[in-house]
PDB file of all heavy atoms in Angstrom:
ATOM      1  N   THR A   1      12.119  24.034  97.806  1.00  0.00           N
ATOM      2  CA  THR A   1      11.257  22.860  97.608  1.00  0.00           C
ATOM      3  C   THR A   1      10.710  22.356  98.929  1.00  0.00           C
ATOM      4  O   THR A   1       9.533  21.970  99.024  1.00  0.00           O
ATOM      5  CB  THR A   1      12.031  21.742  96.900  1.00  0.00           C
ATOM      6  OG1 THR A   1      12.546  22.235  95.665  1.00  0.00           O
ATOM      7  CG2 THR A   1      11.132  20.551  96.621  1.00  0.00           C
ATOM      8  N   LEU A   2      11.542  22.361  99.973  1.00  0.00           N
ATOM      9  CA  LEU A   2      11.074  21.900 101.284  1.00  0.00           C
ATOM     10  C   LEU A   2       9.907  22.739 101.766  1.00  0.00           C
ATOM     11  O   LEU A   2       8.867  22.197 102.177  1.00  0.00           O
ATOM     12  CB  LEU A   2      12.226  21.964 102.299  1.00  0.00           C
ATOM     13  CG  LEU A   2      11.825  21.648 103.750  1.00  0.00           C
ATOM     14  CD1 LEU A   2      11.377  20.207 103.887  1.00  0.00           C
ATOM     15  CD2 LEU A   2      12.970  21.950 104.711  1.00  0.00           C
ATOM     16  N   VAL A   3      10.046  24.049 101.730  1.00  0.00           N
ATOM     17  CA  VAL A   3       8.972  24.922 102.208  1.00  0.00           C
ATOM     18  C   VAL A   3       7.703  24.717 101.381  1.00  0.00           C
ATOM     19  O   VAL A   3       6.593  24.608 101.929  1.00  0.00           O
ATOM     20  CB  VAL A   3       9.414  26.400 102.160  1.00  0.00           C
ATOM     21  CG1 VAL A   3       8.254  27.316 102.539  1.00  0.00           C
ATOM     22  CG2 VAL A   3      10.594  26.630 103.100  1.00  0.00           C
ATOM     23  N   ALA A   4       7.843  24.640 100.058  1.00  0.00           N
ATOM     24  CA  ALA A   4       6.673  24.465  99.189  1.00  0.00           C
ATOM     25  C   ALA A   4       5.958  23.145  99.485  1.00  0.00           C
ATOM     26  O   ALA A   4       4.720  23.096  99.555  1.00  0.00           O
ATOM     27  CB  ALA A   4       7.099  24.523  97.722  1.00  0.00           C
ATOM     28  N   LEU A   5       6.722  22.086  99.679  1.00  0.00           N
ATOM     29  CA  LEU A   5       6.108  20.783  99.948  1.00  0.00           C
ATOM     30  C   LEU A   5       5.447  20.746 101.321  1.00  0.00           C
ATOM     31  O   LEU A   5       4.385  20.124 101.486  1.00  0.00           O
ATOM     32  CB  LEU A   5       7.165  19.680  99.850  1.00  0.00           C
ATOM     33  CG  LEU A   5       7.612  19.300  98.437  1.00  0.00           C
ATOM     34  CD1 LEU A   5       8.726  18.259  98.497  1.00  0.00           C
ATOM     35  CD2 LEU A   5       6.447  18.766  97.622  1.00  0.00           C
ATOM     36  N   VAL A   6       6.060  21.371 102.310  1.00  0.00           N
ATOM     37  CA  VAL A   6       5.466  21.389 103.653  1.00  0.00           C
ATOM     38  C   VAL A   6       4.108  22.091 103.617  1.00  0.00           C
ATOM     39  O   VAL A   6       3.120  21.597 104.179  1.00  0.00           O
ATOM     40  CB  VAL A   6       6.418  22.078 104.653  1.00  0.00           C
ATOM     41  CG1 VAL A   6       5.683  22.381 105.963  1.00  0.00           C
ATOM     42  CG2 VAL A   6       7.623  21.196 104.930  1.00  0.00           C
ATOM     43  N   VAL A   7       4.044  23.231 102.952  1.00  0.00           N
ATOM     44  CA  VAL A   7       2.782  23.969 102.866  1.00  0.00           C
ATOM     45  C   VAL A   7       1.744  23.154 102.089  1.00  0.00           C
ATOM     46  O   VAL A   7       0.582  23.034 102.499  1.00  0.00           O
ATOM     47  CB  VAL A   7       3.006  25.345 102.206  1.00  0.00           C
ATOM     48  CG1 VAL A   7       1.672  26.039 101.953  1.00  0.00           C
ATOM     49  CG2 VAL A   7       3.904  26.215 103.078  1.00  0.00           C
ATOM     50  N   ALA A   8       2.161  22.577 100.946  1.00  0.00           N
ATOM     51  CA  ALA A   8       1.229  21.780 100.147  1.00  0.00           C
ATOM     52  C   ALA A   8       0.719  20.578 100.935  1.00  0.00           C
ATOM     53  O   ALA A   8      -0.478  20.258 100.895  1.00  0.00           O
ATOM     54  CB  ALA A   8       1.908  21.318  98.858  1.00  0.00           C
ATOM     55  N   ALA A   9       1.612  19.915 101.667  1.00  0.00           N
ATOM     56  CA  ALA A   9       1.214  18.736 102.449  1.00  0.00           C
ATOM     57  C   ALA A   9       0.246  19.109 103.560  1.00  0.00           C
ATOM     58  O   ALA A   9      -0.726  18.383 103.831  1.00  0.00           O
ATOM     59  CB  ALA A   9       2.454  18.055 103.024  1.00  0.00           C
ATOM     60  N   ALA A  10       0.479  20.247 104.227  1.00  0.00           N
ATOM     61  CA  ALA A  10      -0.410  20.665 105.306  1.00  0.00           C
ATOM     62  C   ALA A  10      -1.806  21.013 104.794  1.00  0.00           C
ATOM     63  O   ALA A  10      -2.794  20.867 105.519  1.00  0.00           O
ATOM     64  CB  ALA A  10       0.198  21.862 106.038  1.00  0.00           C
ATOM     65  N   LEU A  11      -1.884  21.475 103.546  1.00  0.00           N
ATOM     66  CA  LEU A  11      -3.172  21.823 102.942  1.00  0.00           C
ATOM     67  C   LEU A  11      -3.824  20.658 102.212  1.00  0.00           C
ATOM     68  O   LEU A  11      -4.963  20.777 101.753  1.00  0.00           O
ATOM     69  CB  LEU A  11      -2.979  22.980 101.952  1.00  0.00           C
ATOM     70  CG  LEU A  11      -2.612  24.337 102.539  1.00  0.00           C
ATOM     71  CD1 LEU A  11      -2.211  25.300 101.430  1.00  0.00           C
ATOM     72  CD2 LEU A  11      -3.765  24.911 103.346  1.00  0.00           C
ATOM     73  N   TRP A  12      -3.116  19.547 102.092  1.00  0.00           N
ATOM     74  CA  TRP A  12      -3.577  18.443 101.238  1.00  0.00           C
ATOM     75  C   TRP A  12      -4.843  17.817 101.793  1.00  0.00           C
ATOM     76  O   TRP A  12      -5.012  17.658 102.995  1.00  0.00           O
ATOM     77  CB  TRP A  12      -2.489  17.388 101.144  1.00  0.00           C
ATOM     78  CG  TRP A  12      -2.572  16.536  99.907  1.00  0.00           C
ATOM     79  CD1 TRP A  12      -3.256  15.377  99.752  1.00  0.00           C
ATOM     80  CD2 TRP A  12      -1.913  16.788  98.662  1.00  0.00           C
ATOM     81  NE1 TRP A  12      -3.086  14.878  98.485  1.00  0.00           N
ATOM     82  CE2 TRP A  12      -2.260  15.728  97.788  1.00  0.00           C
ATOM     83  CE3 TRP A  12      -1.080  17.784  98.192  1.00  0.00           C
ATOM     84  CZ2 TRP A  12      -1.789  15.649  96.486  1.00  0.00           C
ATOM     85  CZ3 TRP A  12      -0.612  17.713  96.898  1.00  0.00           C
ATOM     86  CH2 TRP A  12      -0.963  16.659  96.060  1.00  0.00           C
ATOM     87  N   ARG A  13      -5.723  17.435 100.903  1.00  0.00           N
ATOM     88  CA  ARG A  13      -6.937  16.696 101.260  1.00  0.00           C
ATOM     89  C   ARG A  13      -7.041  15.468 100.377  1.00  0.00           C
ATOM     90  O   ARG A  13      -6.940  15.605  99.154  1.00  0.00           O
ATOM     91  CB  ARG A  13      -8.184  17.579 101.083  1.00  0.00           C
ATOM     92  CG  ARG A  13      -8.193  18.800 102.011  1.00  0.00           C
ATOM     93  CD  ARG A  13      -8.310  18.384 103.474  1.00  0.00           C
ATOM     94  NE  ARG A  13      -8.247  19.559 104.344  1.00  0.00           N
ATOM     95  CZ  ARG A  13      -7.133  20.015 104.896  1.00  0.00           C
ATOM     96  NH1 ARG A  13      -5.970  19.397 104.676  1.00  0.00           N
ATOM     97  NH2 ARG A  13      -7.176  21.073 105.675  1.00  0.00           N
ATOM     98  N   PRO A  14      -7.169  14.264 100.928  1.00  0.00           N
ATOM     99  CA  PRO A  14      -7.275  13.985 102.355  1.00  0.00           C
ATOM    100  C   PRO A  14      -5.935  14.136 103.081  1.00  0.00           C
ATOM    101  O   PRO A  14      -4.873  13.987 102.474  1.00  0.00           O
ATOM    102  CB  PRO A  14      -7.771  12.535 102.403  1.00  0.00           C
ATOM    103  CG  PRO A  14      -7.325  11.937 101.116  1.00  0.00           C
ATOM    104  CD  PRO A  14      -7.347  13.041 100.097  1.00  0.00           C
ATOM    105  N   ALA A  15      -6.010  14.401 104.371  1.00  0.00           N
ATOM    106  CA  ALA A  15      -4.822  14.751 105.143  1.00  0.00           C
ATOM    107  C   ALA A  15      -3.829  13.594 105.242  1.00  0.00           C
ATOM    108  O   ALA A  15      -2.630  13.824 105.322  1.00  0.00           O
ATOM    109  CB  ALA A  15      -5.222  15.215 106.545  1.00  0.00           C
ATOM    110  N   ARG A  16      -4.324  12.354 105.236  1.00  0.00           N
ATOM    111  CA  ARG A  16      -3.385  11.230 105.351  1.00  0.00           C
ATOM    112  C   ARG A  16      -2.489  11.126 104.128  1.00  0.00           C
ATOM    113  O   ARG A  16      -1.333  10.722 104.225  1.00  0.00           O
ATOM    114  CB  ARG A  16      -4.159   9.924 105.565  1.00  0.00           C
ATOM    115  CG  ARG A  16      -4.744   9.821 106.962  1.00  0.00           C
ATOM    116  CD  ARG A  16      -5.346   8.466 107.225  1.00  0.00           C
ATOM    117  NE  ARG A  16      -5.858   8.361 108.576  1.00  0.00           N
ATOM    118  CZ  ARG A  16      -6.442   7.289 109.072  1.00  0.00           C
ATOM    119  NH1 ARG A  16      -6.586   6.209 108.303  1.00  0.00           N
ATOM    120  NH2 ARG A  16      -6.876   7.273 110.307  1.00  0.00           N
ATOM    121  N   GLN A  17      -3.002  11.497 102.979  1.00  0.00           N
ATOM    122  CA  GLN A  17      -2.142  11.530 101.795  1.00  0.00           C
ATOM    123  C   GLN A  17      -1.165  12.698 101.891  1.00  0.00           C
ATOM    124  O   GLN A  17      -0.016  12.598 101.458  1.00  0.00           O
ATOM    125  CB  GLN A  17      -2.997  11.633 100.536  1.00  0.00           C
ATOM    126  CG  GLN A  17      -3.804  10.373 100.257  1.00  0.00           C
ATOM    127  CD  GLN A  17      -4.596  10.463  98.976  1.00  0.00           C
ATOM    128  OE1 GLN A  17      -4.314  11.295  98.114  1.00  0.00           O
ATOM    129  NE2 GLN A  17      -5.591   9.597  98.823  1.00  0.00           N
ATOM    130  N   GLY A  18      -1.606  13.801 102.476  1.00  0.00           N
ATOM    131  CA  GLY A  18      -0.688  14.905 102.727  1.00  0.00           C
ATOM    132  C   GLY A  18       0.439  14.487 103.649  1.00  0.00           C
ATOM    133  O   GLY A  18       1.585  14.931 103.490  1.00  0.00           O
ATOM    134  N   ALA A  19       0.140  13.615 104.609  1.00  0.00           N
ATOM    135  CA  ALA A  19       1.183  13.116 105.510  1.00  0.00           C
ATOM    136  C   ALA A  19       2.231  12.321 104.746  1.00  0.00           C
ATOM    137  O   ALA A  19       3.425  12.391 105.048  1.00  0.00           O
ATOM    138  CB  ALA A  19       0.563  12.246 106.610  1.00  0.00           C
ATOM    139  N   ALA A  20       1.807  11.568 103.733  1.00  0.00           N
ATOM    140  CA  ALA A  20       2.770  10.813 102.916  1.00  0.00           C
ATOM    141  C   ALA A  20       3.676  11.756 102.139  1.00  0.00           C
ATOM    142  O   ALA A  20       4.890  11.532 102.028  1.00  0.00           O
ATOM    143  CB  ALA A  20       2.030   9.882 101.962  1.00  0.00           C
ATOM    144  N   LEU A  21       3.096  12.836 101.594  1.00  0.00           N
ATOM    145  CA  LEU A  21       3.904  13.824 100.883  1.00  0.00           C
ATOM    146  C   LEU A  21       4.876  14.509 101.833  1.00  0.00           C
ATOM    147  O   LEU A  21       6.055  14.712 101.499  1.00  0.00           O
ATOM    148  CB  LEU A  21       2.989  14.855 100.222  1.00  0.00           C
ATOM    149  CG  LEU A  21       3.679  15.971  99.431  1.00  0.00           C
ATOM    150  CD1 LEU A  21       4.458  15.404  98.247  1.00  0.00           C
ATOM    151  CD2 LEU A  21       2.653  16.996  98.946  1.00  0.00           C
ATOM    152  N   LEU A  22       4.400  14.850 103.016  1.00  0.00           N
ATOM    153  CA  LEU A  22       5.272  15.497 104.006  1.00  0.00           C
ATOM    154  C   LEU A  22       6.388  14.555 104.441  1.00  0.00           C
ATOM    155  O   LEU A  22       7.548  14.978 104.593  1.00  0.00           O
ATOM    156  CB  LEU A  22       4.439  15.932 105.211  1.00  0.00           C
ATOM    157  CG  LEU A  22       5.196  16.641 106.338  1.00  0.00           C
ATOM    158  CD1 LEU A  22       5.931  17.868 105.823  1.00  0.00           C
ATOM    159  CD2 LEU A  22       4.245  17.019 107.473  1.00  0.00           C
ATOM    160  N   ALA A  23       6.071  13.282 104.630  1.00  0.00           N
ATOM    161  CA  ALA A  23       7.109  12.311 104.996  1.00  0.00           C
ATOM    162  C   ALA A  23       8.187  12.234 103.923  1.00  0.00           C
ATOM    163  O   ALA A  23       9.384  12.175 104.225  1.00  0.00           O
ATOM    164  CB  ALA A  23       6.485  10.936 105.222  1.00  0.00           C
ATOM    165  N   GLY A  24       7.766  12.239 102.654  1.00  0.00           N
ATOM    166  CA  GLY A  24       8.736  12.208 101.568  1.00  0.00           C
ATOM    167  C   GLY A  24       9.655  13.412 101.575  1.00  0.00           C
ATOM    168  O   GLY A  24      10.836  13.308 101.238  1.00  0.00           O
ATOM    169  N   ALA A  25       9.121  14.585 101.972  1.00  0.00           N
ATOM    170  CA  ALA A  25       9.942  15.793 102.027  1.00  0.00           C
ATOM    171  C   ALA A  25      10.870  15.793 103.231  1.00  0.00           C
ATOM    172  O   ALA A  25      12.003  16.293 103.161  1.00  0.00           O
ATOM    173  CB  ALA A  25       9.045  17.030 102.063  1.00  0.00           C
ATOM    174  N   VAL A  26      10.407  15.228 104.341  1.00  0.00           N
ATOM    175  CA  VAL A  26      11.188  15.278 105.582  1.00  0.00           C
ATOM    176  C   VAL A  26      12.313  14.251 105.593  1.00  0.00           C
ATOM    177  O   VAL A  26      13.394  14.502 106.152  1.00  0.00           O
ATOM    178  CB  VAL A  26      10.249  15.078 106.796  1.00  0.00           C
ATOM    179  CG1 VAL A  26      11.047  14.888 108.084  1.00  0.00           C
ATOM    180  CG2 VAL A  26       9.311  16.272 106.929  1.00  0.00           C
ATOM    181  N   ILE A  27      12.099  13.098 104.970  1.00  0.00           N
ATOM    182  CA  ILE A  27      13.096  12.019 105.032  1.00  0.00           C
ATOM    183  C   ILE A  27      14.475  12.478 104.540  1.00  0.00           C
ATOM    184  O   ILE A  27      15.488  12.216 105.216  1.00  0.00           O
ATOM    185  CB  ILE A  27      12.600  10.789 104.251  1.00  0.00           C
ATOM    186  CG1 ILE A  27      11.509  10.073 105.054  1.00  0.00           C
ATOM    187  CG2 ILE A  27      13.741   9.819 103.939  1.00  0.00           C
ATOM    188  CD1 ILE A  27      10.814   8.959 104.309  1.00  0.00           C
ATOM    189  N   PRO A  28      14.618  13.160 103.395  1.00  0.00           N
ATOM    190  CA  PRO A  28      15.952  13.614 102.994  1.00  0.00           C
ATOM    191  C   PRO A  28      16.566  14.618 103.966  1.00  0.00           C
ATOM    192  O   PRO A  28      17.793  14.652 104.140  1.00  0.00           O
ATOM    193  CB  PRO A  28      15.706  14.269 101.621  1.00  0.00           C
ATOM    194  CG  PRO A  28      14.440  13.674 101.135  1.00  0.00           C
ATOM    195  CD  PRO A  28      13.617  13.452 102.352  1.00  0.00           C
ATOM    196  N   MET A  29      15.734  15.428 104.627  1.00  0.00           N
ATOM    197  CA  MET A  29      16.264  16.383 105.591  1.00  0.00           C
ATOM    198  C   MET A  29      16.745  15.670 106.848  1.00  0.00           C
ATOM    199  O   MET A  29      17.746  16.057 107.463  1.00  0.00           O
ATOM    200  CB  MET A  29      15.198  17.428 105.937  1.00  0.00           C
ATOM    201  CG  MET A  29      14.564  18.107 104.725  1.00  0.00           C
ATOM    202  SD  MET A  29      15.762  18.722 103.499  1.00  0.00           S
ATOM    203  CE  MET A  29      16.500  20.088 104.374  1.00  0.00           C
ATOM    204  N   VAL A  30      16.034  14.620 107.245  1.00  0.00           N
ATOM    205  CA  VAL A  30      16.513  13.787 108.346  1.00  0.00           C
ATOM    206  C   VAL A  30      17.845  13.151 107.972  1.00  0.00           C
ATOM    207  O   VAL A  30      18.783  13.071 108.795  1.00  0.00           O
ATOM    208  CB  VAL A  30      15.470  12.704 108.698  1.00  0.00           C
ATOM    209  CG1 VAL A  30      16.039  11.701 109.696  1.00  0.00           C
ATOM    210  CG2 VAL A  30      14.207  13.345 109.258  1.00  0.00           C
ATOM    211  N   ALA A  31      17.953  12.705 106.726  1.00  0.00           N
ATOM    212  CA  ALA A  31      19.193  12.082 106.254  1.00  0.00           C
ATOM    213  C   ALA A  31      20.369  13.048 106.356  1.00  0.00           C
ATOM    214  O   ALA A  31      21.492  12.649 106.687  1.00  0.00           O
ATOM    215  CB  ALA A  31      19.027  11.602 104.819  1.00  0.00           C
ATOM    216  N   GLN A  32      20.130  14.339 106.093  1.00  0.00           N
ATOM    217  CA  GLN A  32      21.200  15.327 106.205  1.00  0.00           C
ATOM    218  C   GLN A  32      21.662  15.477 107.647  1.00  0.00           C
ATOM    219  O   GLN A  32      22.859  15.605 107.922  1.00  0.00           O
ATOM    220  CB  GLN A  32      20.723  16.674 105.659  1.00  0.00           C
ATOM    221  CG  GLN A  32      20.403  16.679 104.175  1.00  0.00           C
ATOM    222  CD  GLN A  32      21.581  16.236 103.334  1.00  0.00           C
ATOM    223  OE1 GLN A  32      22.645  16.862 103.345  1.00  0.00           O
ATOM    224  NE2 GLN A  32      21.406  15.148 102.603  1.00  0.00           N
ATOM    225  N   ALA A  33      20.724  15.453 108.589  1.00  0.00           N
ATOM    226  CA  ALA A  33      21.089  15.543 110.003  1.00  0.00           C
ATOM    227  C   ALA A  33      21.869  14.308 110.444  1.00  0.00           C
ATOM    228  O   ALA A  33      22.864  14.413 111.170  1.00  0.00           O
ATOM    229  CB  ALA A  33      19.831  15.713 110.847  1.00  0.00           C
ATOM    230  N   VAL A  34      21.421  13.140 110.003  1.00  0.00           N
ATOM    231  CA  VAL A  34      22.137  11.901 110.349  1.00  0.00           C
ATOM    232  C   VAL A  34      23.555  11.934 109.785  1.00  0.00           C
ATOM    233  O   VAL A  34      24.512  11.525 110.438  1.00  0.00           O
ATOM    234  CB  VAL A  34      21.360  10.677 109.826  1.00  0.00           C
ATOM    235  CG1 VAL A  34      22.178   9.404 110.013  1.00  0.00           C
ATOM    236  CG2 VAL A  34      20.015  10.558 110.539  1.00  0.00           C
ATOM    237  N   SER A  35      23.707  12.443 108.564  1.00  0.00           N
ATOM    238  CA  SER A  35      25.029  12.549 107.955  1.00  0.00           C
ATOM    239  C   SER A  35      25.964  13.414 108.794  1.00  0.00           C
ATOM    240  O   SER A  35      27.135  13.074 108.990  1.00  0.00           O
ATOM    241  CB  SER A  35      24.904  13.135 106.542  1.00  0.00           C
ATOM    242  OG  SER A  35      26.169  13.376 105.977  1.00  0.00           O
ATOM    243  N   ALA A  36      25.441  14.530 109.304  1.00  0.00           N
ATOM    244  CA  ALA A  36      26.271  15.410 110.132  1.00  0.00           C
ATOM    245  C   ALA A  36      26.692  14.721 111.422  1.00  0.00           C
ATOM    246  O   ALA A  36      27.840  14.882 111.886  1.00  0.00           O
ATOM    247  CB  ALA A  36      25.514  16.693 110.446  1.00  0.00           C
ATOM    248  N   LEU A  37      25.798  13.927 112.010  1.00  0.00           N
ATOM    249  CA  LEU A  37      26.138  13.217 113.239  1.00  0.00           C
ATOM    250  C   LEU A  37      27.155  12.111 112.973  1.00  0.00           C
ATOM    251  O   LEU A  37      28.056  11.870 113.793  1.00  0.00           O
ATOM    252  CB  LEU A  37      24.867  12.639 113.867  1.00  0.00           C
ATOM    253  CG  LEU A  37      23.864  13.676 114.388  1.00  0.00           C
ATOM    254  CD1 LEU A  37      22.585  12.991 114.866  1.00  0.00           C
ATOM    255  CD2 LEU A  37      24.483  14.494 115.517  1.00  0.00           C
ATOM    256  N   VAL A  38      27.012  11.432 111.829  1.00  0.00           N
ATOM    257  CA  VAL A  38      27.989  10.402 111.466  1.00  0.00           C
ATOM    258  C   VAL A  38      29.374  11.018 111.294  1.00  0.00           C
ATOM    259  O   VAL A  38      30.390  10.445 111.705  1.00  0.00           O
ATOM    260  CB  VAL A  38      27.552   9.664 110.185  1.00  0.00           C
ATOM    261  CG1 VAL A  38      28.675   8.765 109.663  1.00  0.00           C
ATOM    262  CG2 VAL A  38      26.301   8.839 110.446  1.00  0.00           C
ATOM    263  N   GLN A  39      29.407  12.199 110.711  1.00  0.00           N
ATOM    264  CA  GLN A  39      30.690  12.863 110.469  1.00  0.00           C
ATOM    265  C   GLN A  39      31.398  13.211 111.771  1.00  0.00           C
ATOM    266  O   GLN A  39      32.637  13.291 111.813  1.00  0.00           O
ATOM    267  CB  GLN A  39      30.462  14.129 109.638  1.00  0.00           C
ATOM    268  CG  GLN A  39      31.744  14.762 109.126  1.00  0.00           C
ATOM    269  CD  GLN A  39      31.468  15.847 108.103  1.00  0.00           C
ATOM    270  OE1 GLN A  39      30.413  15.842 107.465  1.00  0.00           O
ATOM    271  NE2 GLN A  39      32.401  16.760 107.957  1.00  0.00           N
ATOM    272  N   LEU A  40      30.638  13.404 112.848  1.00  0.00           N
ATOM    273  CA  LEU A  40      31.258  13.699 114.137  1.00  0.00           C
ATOM    274  C   LEU A  40      32.161  12.563 114.607  1.00  0.00           C
ATOM    275  O   LEU A  40      33.147  12.795 115.309  1.00  0.00           O
ATOM    276  CB  LEU A  40      30.177  13.948 115.203  1.00  0.00           C
ATOM    277  CG  LEU A  40      29.456  15.294 115.174  1.00  0.00           C
ATOM    278  CD1 LEU A  40      28.403  15.350 116.268  1.00  0.00           C
ATOM    279  CD2 LEU A  40      30.450  16.429 115.340  1.00  0.00           C
ATOM    280  N   GLY A  41      31.807  11.337 114.249  1.00  0.00           N
ATOM    281  CA  GLY A  41      32.591  10.181 114.683  1.00  0.00           C
ATOM    282  C   GLY A  41      33.797   9.897 113.817  1.00  0.00           C
ATOM    283  O   GLY A  41      34.554   8.958 114.100  1.00  0.00           O
ATOM    284  N   GLU A  42      33.975  10.672 112.750  1.00  0.00           N
ATOM    285  CA  GLU A  42      35.106  10.450 111.850  1.00  0.00           C
ATOM    286  C   GLU A  42      36.284  11.350 112.229  1.00  0.00           C
ATOM    287  O   GLU A  42      36.104  12.478 112.698  1.00  0.00           O
ATOM    288  CB  GLU A  42      34.690  10.733 110.400  1.00  0.00           C
ATOM    289  CG  GLU A  42      33.588   9.829 109.897  1.00  0.00           C
ATOM    290  CD  GLU A  42      33.190  10.156 108.464  1.00  0.00           C
ATOM    291  OE1 GLU A  42      33.709  11.145 107.915  1.00  0.00           O
ATOM    292  OE2 GLU A  42      32.382   9.414 107.900  1.00  0.00           O
ATOM    293  N   ALA A  43      37.472  10.844 112.010  1.00  0.00           N
ATOM    294  CA  ALA A  43      38.670  11.633 112.278  1.00  0.00           C
ATOM    295  C   ALA A  43      38.778  12.768 111.261  1.00  0.00           C
ATOM    296  O   ALA A  43      38.445  12.592 110.087  1.00  0.00           O
ATOM    297  CB  ALA A  43      39.908  10.748 112.212  1.00  0.00           C
ATOM    298  N   THR A  44      39.213  13.926 111.732  1.00  0.00           N
ATOM    299  CA  THR A  44      39.357  15.095 110.861  1.00  0.00           C
ATOM    300  C   THR A  44      40.806  15.224 110.425  1.00  0.00           C
ATOM    301  O   THR A  44      41.711  15.303 111.257  1.00  0.00           O
ATOM    302  CB  THR A  44      38.934  16.377 111.591  1.00  0.00           C
ATOM    303  OG1 THR A  44      37.599  16.215 112.069  1.00  0.00           O
ATOM    304  CG2 THR A  44      39.001  17.576 110.666  1.00  0.00           C
ATOM    305  N   SER A  45      41.030  15.236 109.121  1.00  0.00           N
ATOM    306  CA  SER A  45      42.388  15.347 108.590  1.00  0.00           C
ATOM    307  C   SER A  45      42.857  16.797 108.629  1.00  0.00           C
ATOM    308  O   SER A  45      42.089  17.711 108.261  1.00  0.00           O
ATOM    309  CB  SER A  45      42.424  14.826 107.150  1.00  0.00           C
ATOM    310  OG  SER A  45      43.661  15.120 106.555  1.00  0.00           O
ATOM    311  N   PRO A  46      44.124  17.059 109.053  1.00  0.00           N
ATOM    312  CA  PRO A  46      44.638  18.441 109.019  1.00  0.00           C
ATOM    313  C   PRO A  46      44.710  18.998 107.603  1.00  0.00           C
ATOM    314  O   PRO A  46      44.724  20.211 107.419  1.00  0.00           O
ATOM    315  CB  PRO A  46      46.030  18.315 109.652  1.00  0.00           C
ATOM    316  CG  PRO A  46      46.390  16.873 109.546  1.00  0.00           C
ATOM    317  CD  PRO A  46      45.106  16.117 109.608  1.00  0.00           C
TER     318      PRO A  46
END
């Protein structure tokens, strides 16, 4: 879905609306990266 949305957004006309679609696709992926960084600060149970 990420790849499909990125391609569709880059081809979208008008481009500013494509940017909104791309932002919607990127935000959850940013959230995944933030989650991984948050997990670094948590203690790891044996």
